[in-house]
Protein backbone atom coordinates (compact mmCIF):
# COMPACT_ATOMS: atom_id res chain seq x y z
CA UNK A 1 0.00 0.00 0.00
CA UNK A 2 3.02 2.30 0.16
CA UNK A 3 1.78 5.69 -1.05
CA UNK A 4 -0.73 4.27 -3.51
CA UNK A 5 -3.48 6.64 -4.66
CA UNK A 6 -6.75 6.00 -6.45
CA UNK A 7 -9.74 7.97 -7.67
CA UNK A 8 -13.33 6.79 -7.92
CA UNK A 9 -15.76 8.74 -10.08
CA UNK A 10 -17.31 9.32 -13.46
CA UNK A 11 -15.06 8.05 -16.24
CA UNK A 12 -14.65 11.38 -18.01
CA UNK A 13 -13.96 13.46 -14.93
CA UNK A 14 -11.23 11.23 -13.52
CA UNK A 15 -9.01 10.88 -16.58
CA UNK A 16 -6.82 13.84 -15.61
CA UNK A 17 -5.82 11.89 -12.49
CA UNK A 18 -4.74 8.95 -14.62
CA UNK A 19 -2.27 11.23 -16.40
CA UNK A 20 -0.79 12.04 -12.97
CA UNK A 21 -0.26 8.36 -12.15
CA UNK A 22 -3.32 7.88 -9.95
CA UNK A 23 -5.14 4.55 -10.38
CA UNK A 24 -8.62 5.23 -11.76
CA UNK A 25 -11.87 3.42 -10.99
CA UNK A 26 -14.70 4.67 -13.20
CA UNK A 27 -18.24 4.25 -11.84
CA UNK A 28 -21.68 5.27 -13.02
CA UNK A 29 -23.74 5.15 -9.84
CA UNK A 30 -23.68 5.32 -6.04
CA UNK A 31 -23.92 1.55 -5.58
CA UNK A 32 -20.84 0.89 -7.73
CA UNK A 33 -18.90 3.71 -6.02
CA UNK A 34 -19.61 2.18 -2.60
CA UNK A 35 -18.60 -1.26 -3.84
CA UNK A 36 -15.31 -0.01 -5.31
CA UNK A 37 -14.35 2.06 -2.23
CA UNK A 38 -15.06 -0.94 0.02
CA UNK A 39 -12.97 -3.21 -2.21
CA UNK A 40 -9.92 -0.93 -2.56
CA UNK A 41 -9.85 0.59 0.95
CA UNK A 42 -7.17 -1.80 2.21
CA UNK A 43 -4.93 -1.29 -0.79
CA UNK A 44 -4.65 2.51 -1.16
CA UNK A 45 -3.48 5.21 1.26
CA UNK A 46 -5.38 8.00 -0.48
CA UNK A 47 -8.67 7.60 -2.30
CA UNK A 48 -10.00 10.60 -4.14
CA UNK A 49 -13.75 10.36 -4.53
CA UNK A 50 -15.79 12.45 -6.94
CA UNK A 51 -17.69 14.97 -4.85
CA UNK A 52 -21.12 13.88 -6.04
CA UNK A 53 -20.46 10.33 -4.79
CA UNK A 54 -18.83 11.51 -1.57
CA UNK A 55 -22.00 13.41 -0.74
CA UNK A 56 -24.20 10.36 -1.45
CA UNK A 57 -21.92 8.00 0.52
CA UNK A 58 -21.42 10.29 3.54
CA UNK A 59 -22.68 7.84 6.18
CA UNK A 60 -20.79 4.92 4.62
CA UNK A 61 -17.55 6.93 4.54
CA UNK A 62 -17.70 7.73 8.27
CA UNK A 63 -16.40 4.21 8.99
CA UNK A 64 -13.03 5.30 7.62
CA UNK A 65 -12.72 8.31 9.97
CA UNK A 66 -11.33 6.21 12.83
CA UNK A 67 -8.46 4.67 10.85
CA UNK A 68 -5.33 6.44 9.57
CA UNK A 69 -5.73 4.91 6.08
CA UNK A 70 -7.21 5.24 3.64
CA UNK A 71 -7.69 8.97 3.60
CA UNK A 72 -10.77 9.60 1.46
CA UNK A 73 -10.83 13.04 -0.13
CA UNK A 74 -13.79 14.39 -2.08
CA UNK A 75 -12.78 16.22 -5.25
CA UNK A 76 -14.92 18.48 -7.43
CA UNK A 77 -15.58 17.17 -10.92
CA UNK A 78 -17.57 19.96 -12.50
CA UNK A 79 -20.83 18.10 -11.93
CA UNK A 80 -23.24 19.06 -9.22
CA UNK A 81 -23.12 21.98 -6.84
CA UNK A 82 -19.69 21.48 -5.31
CA UNK A 83 -18.49 22.66 -1.94
CA UNK A 84 -18.90 19.31 -0.19
CA UNK A 85 -15.16 18.82 0.25
CA UNK A 86 -14.88 22.23 1.88
CA UNK A 87 -17.79 21.38 4.20
CA UNK A 88 -16.02 18.18 5.31
CA UNK A 89 -12.75 20.00 5.90
CA UNK A 90 -14.49 22.67 7.95
CA UNK A 91 -16.27 20.04 10.05
CA UNK A 92 -13.03 18.12 10.66
CA UNK A 93 -11.22 21.31 11.71
CA UNK A 94 -14.01 22.20 14.13
CA UNK A 95 -13.86 18.72 15.68
CA UNK A 96 -10.08 18.80 15.98
CA UNK A 97 -9.66 22.37 17.19
CA UNK A 98 -13.00 23.14 18.79
CA UNK A 99 -13.32 26.30 16.70
CA UNK A 100 -14.18 27.18 13.11
CA UNK A 101 -11.03 28.72 11.61
CA UNK A 102 -12.21 28.53 8.00
CA UNK A 103 -15.19 30.90 8.18
CA UNK A 104 -15.04 33.83 5.86
C-alpha atoms as a PDB file:
ATOM      1  CA  UNK A   1       0.000   0.000   0.000  1.00  0.00           C
ATOM      2  CA  UNK A   2       3.018   2.299   0.162  1.00  0.00           C
ATOM      3  CA  UNK A   3       1.780   5.686  -1.047  1.00  0.00           C
ATOM      4  CA  UNK A   4      -0.728   4.269  -3.511  1.00  0.00           C
ATOM      5  CA  UNK A   5      -3.478   6.635  -4.655  1.00  0.00           C
ATOM      6  CA  UNK A   6      -6.750   5.998  -6.452  1.00  0.00           C
ATOM      7  CA  UNK A   7      -9.742   7.969  -7.669  1.00  0.00           C
ATOM      8  CA  UNK A   8     -13.330   6.788  -7.925  1.00  0.00           C
ATOM      9  CA  UNK A   9     -15.762   8.744 -10.080  1.00  0.00           C
ATOM     10  CA  UNK A  10     -17.308   9.316 -13.460  1.00  0.00           C
ATOM     11  CA  UNK A  11     -15.063   8.046 -16.240  1.00  0.00           C
ATOM     12  CA  UNK A  12     -14.647  11.380 -18.011  1.00  0.00           C
ATOM     13  CA  UNK A  13     -13.964  13.463 -14.931  1.00  0.00           C
ATOM     14  CA  UNK A  14     -11.225  11.232 -13.516  1.00  0.00           C
ATOM     15  CA  UNK A  15      -9.006  10.883 -16.577  1.00  0.00           C
ATOM     16  CA  UNK A  16      -6.821  13.842 -15.613  1.00  0.00           C
ATOM     17  CA  UNK A  17      -5.821  11.894 -12.493  1.00  0.00           C
ATOM     18  CA  UNK A  18      -4.741   8.948 -14.624  1.00  0.00           C
ATOM     19  CA  UNK A  19      -2.266  11.226 -16.404  1.00  0.00           C
ATOM     20  CA  UNK A  20      -0.795  12.037 -12.973  1.00  0.00           C
ATOM     21  CA  UNK A  21      -0.256   8.360 -12.154  1.00  0.00           C
ATOM     22  CA  UNK A  22      -3.323   7.882  -9.953  1.00  0.00           C
ATOM     23  CA  UNK A  23      -5.138   4.554 -10.376  1.00  0.00           C
ATOM     24  CA  UNK A  24      -8.624   5.226 -11.763  1.00  0.00           C
ATOM     25  CA  UNK A  25     -11.875   3.417 -10.994  1.00  0.00           C
ATOM     26  CA  UNK A  26     -14.704   4.672 -13.201  1.00  0.00           C
ATOM     27  CA  UNK A  27     -18.239   4.252 -11.840  1.00  0.00           C
ATOM     28  CA  UNK A  28     -21.677   5.269 -13.023  1.00  0.00           C
ATOM     29  CA  UNK A  29     -23.740   5.147  -9.838  1.00  0.00           C
ATOM     30  CA  UNK A  30     -23.685   5.323  -6.042  1.00  0.00           C
ATOM     31  CA  UNK A  31     -23.919   1.550  -5.579  1.00  0.00           C
ATOM     32  CA  UNK A  32     -20.842   0.889  -7.726  1.00  0.00           C
ATOM     33  CA  UNK A  33     -18.901   3.710  -6.024  1.00  0.00           C
ATOM     34  CA  UNK A  34     -19.615   2.181  -2.598  1.00  0.00           C
ATOM     35  CA  UNK A  35     -18.595  -1.263  -3.836  1.00  0.00           C
ATOM     36  CA  UNK A  36     -15.307  -0.006  -5.310  1.00  0.00           C
ATOM     37  CA  UNK A  37     -14.355   2.057  -2.234  1.00  0.00           C
ATOM     38  CA  UNK A  38     -15.064  -0.938   0.016  1.00  0.00           C
ATOM     39  CA  UNK A  39     -12.968  -3.205  -2.213  1.00  0.00           C
ATOM     40  CA  UNK A  40      -9.915  -0.930  -2.560  1.00  0.00           C
ATOM     41  CA  UNK A  41      -9.850   0.591   0.953  1.00  0.00           C
ATOM     42  CA  UNK A  42      -7.172  -1.795   2.213  1.00  0.00           C
ATOM     43  CA  UNK A  43      -4.932  -1.293  -0.795  1.00  0.00           C
ATOM     44  CA  UNK A  44      -4.653   2.506  -1.163  1.00  0.00           C
ATOM     45  CA  UNK A  45      -3.480   5.209   1.257  1.00  0.00           C
ATOM     46  CA  UNK A  46      -5.375   8.004  -0.477  1.00  0.00           C
ATOM     47  CA  UNK A  47      -8.668   7.600  -2.301  1.00  0.00           C
ATOM     48  CA  UNK A  48      -9.998  10.603  -4.144  1.00  0.00           C
ATOM     49  CA  UNK A  49     -13.754  10.357  -4.529  1.00  0.00           C
ATOM     50  CA  UNK A  50     -15.792  12.447  -6.944  1.00  0.00           C
ATOM     51  CA  UNK A  51     -17.694  14.972  -4.846  1.00  0.00           C
ATOM     52  CA  UNK A  52     -21.124  13.876  -6.041  1.00  0.00           C
ATOM     53  CA  UNK A  53     -20.464  10.327  -4.791  1.00  0.00           C
ATOM     54  CA  UNK A  54     -18.829  11.509  -1.570  1.00  0.00           C
ATOM     55  CA  UNK A  55     -22.004  13.411  -0.743  1.00  0.00           C
ATOM     56  CA  UNK A  56     -24.196  10.361  -1.446  1.00  0.00           C
ATOM     57  CA  UNK A  57     -21.923   8.004   0.525  1.00  0.00           C
ATOM     58  CA  UNK A  58     -21.422  10.290   3.541  1.00  0.00           C
ATOM     59  CA  UNK A  59     -22.683   7.836   6.176  1.00  0.00           C
ATOM     60  CA  UNK A  60     -20.795   4.921   4.619  1.00  0.00           C
ATOM     61  CA  UNK A  61     -17.545   6.932   4.539  1.00  0.00           C
ATOM     62  CA  UNK A  62     -17.704   7.727   8.271  1.00  0.00           C
ATOM     63  CA  UNK A  63     -16.403   4.211   8.991  1.00  0.00           C
ATOM     64  CA  UNK A  64     -13.030   5.301   7.617  1.00  0.00           C
ATOM     65  CA  UNK A  65     -12.717   8.307   9.971  1.00  0.00           C
ATOM     66  CA  UNK A  66     -11.334   6.214  12.825  1.00  0.00           C
ATOM     67  CA  UNK A  67      -8.457   4.675  10.852  1.00  0.00           C
ATOM     68  CA  UNK A  68      -5.328   6.436   9.569  1.00  0.00           C
ATOM     69  CA  UNK A  69      -5.729   4.912   6.083  1.00  0.00           C
ATOM     70  CA  UNK A  70      -7.210   5.236   3.638  1.00  0.00           C
ATOM     71  CA  UNK A  71      -7.692   8.973   3.600  1.00  0.00           C
ATOM     72  CA  UNK A  72     -10.765   9.605   1.465  1.00  0.00           C
ATOM     73  CA  UNK A  73     -10.827  13.043  -0.125  1.00  0.00           C
ATOM     74  CA  UNK A  74     -13.793  14.393  -2.085  1.00  0.00           C
ATOM     75  CA  UNK A  75     -12.778  16.216  -5.252  1.00  0.00           C
ATOM     76  CA  UNK A  76     -14.921  18.478  -7.434  1.00  0.00           C
ATOM     77  CA  UNK A  77     -15.583  17.166 -10.918  1.00  0.00           C
ATOM     78  CA  UNK A  78     -17.570  19.956 -12.498  1.00  0.00           C
ATOM     79  CA  UNK A  79     -20.828  18.097 -11.931  1.00  0.00           C
ATOM     80  CA  UNK A  80     -23.242  19.058  -9.215  1.00  0.00           C
ATOM     81  CA  UNK A  81     -23.119  21.984  -6.843  1.00  0.00           C
ATOM     82  CA  UNK A  82     -19.695  21.478  -5.309  1.00  0.00           C
ATOM     83  CA  UNK A  83     -18.492  22.663  -1.943  1.00  0.00           C
ATOM     84  CA  UNK A  84     -18.905  19.309  -0.194  1.00  0.00           C
ATOM     85  CA  UNK A  85     -15.163  18.823   0.253  1.00  0.00           C
ATOM     86  CA  UNK A  86     -14.878  22.225   1.884  1.00  0.00           C
ATOM     87  CA  UNK A  87     -17.789  21.375   4.199  1.00  0.00           C
ATOM     88  CA  UNK A  88     -16.023  18.182   5.311  1.00  0.00           C
ATOM     89  CA  UNK A  89     -12.750  20.000   5.905  1.00  0.00           C
ATOM     90  CA  UNK A  90     -14.492  22.669   7.948  1.00  0.00           C
ATOM     91  CA  UNK A  91     -16.270  20.037  10.051  1.00  0.00           C
ATOM     92  CA  UNK A  92     -13.026  18.121  10.656  1.00  0.00           C
ATOM     93  CA  UNK A  93     -11.216  21.307  11.707  1.00  0.00           C
ATOM     94  CA  UNK A  94     -14.008  22.198  14.131  1.00  0.00           C
ATOM     95  CA  UNK A  95     -13.865  18.722  15.680  1.00  0.00           C
ATOM     96  CA  UNK A  96     -10.080  18.796  15.977  1.00  0.00           C
ATOM     97  CA  UNK A  97      -9.656  22.374  17.188  1.00  0.00           C
ATOM     98  CA  UNK A  98     -13.002  23.142  18.787  1.00  0.00           C
ATOM     99  CA  UNK A  99     -13.324  26.296  16.704  1.00  0.00           C
ATOM    100  CA  UNK A 100     -14.180  27.177  13.108  1.00  0.00           C
ATOM    101  CA  UNK A 101     -11.027  28.724  11.610  1.00  0.00           C
ATOM    102  CA  UNK A 102     -12.209  28.528   7.997  1.00  0.00           C
ATOM    103  CA  UNK A 103     -15.188  30.897   8.182  1.00  0.00           C
ATOM    104  CA  UNK A 104     -15.036  33.830   5.863  1.00  0.00           C
END
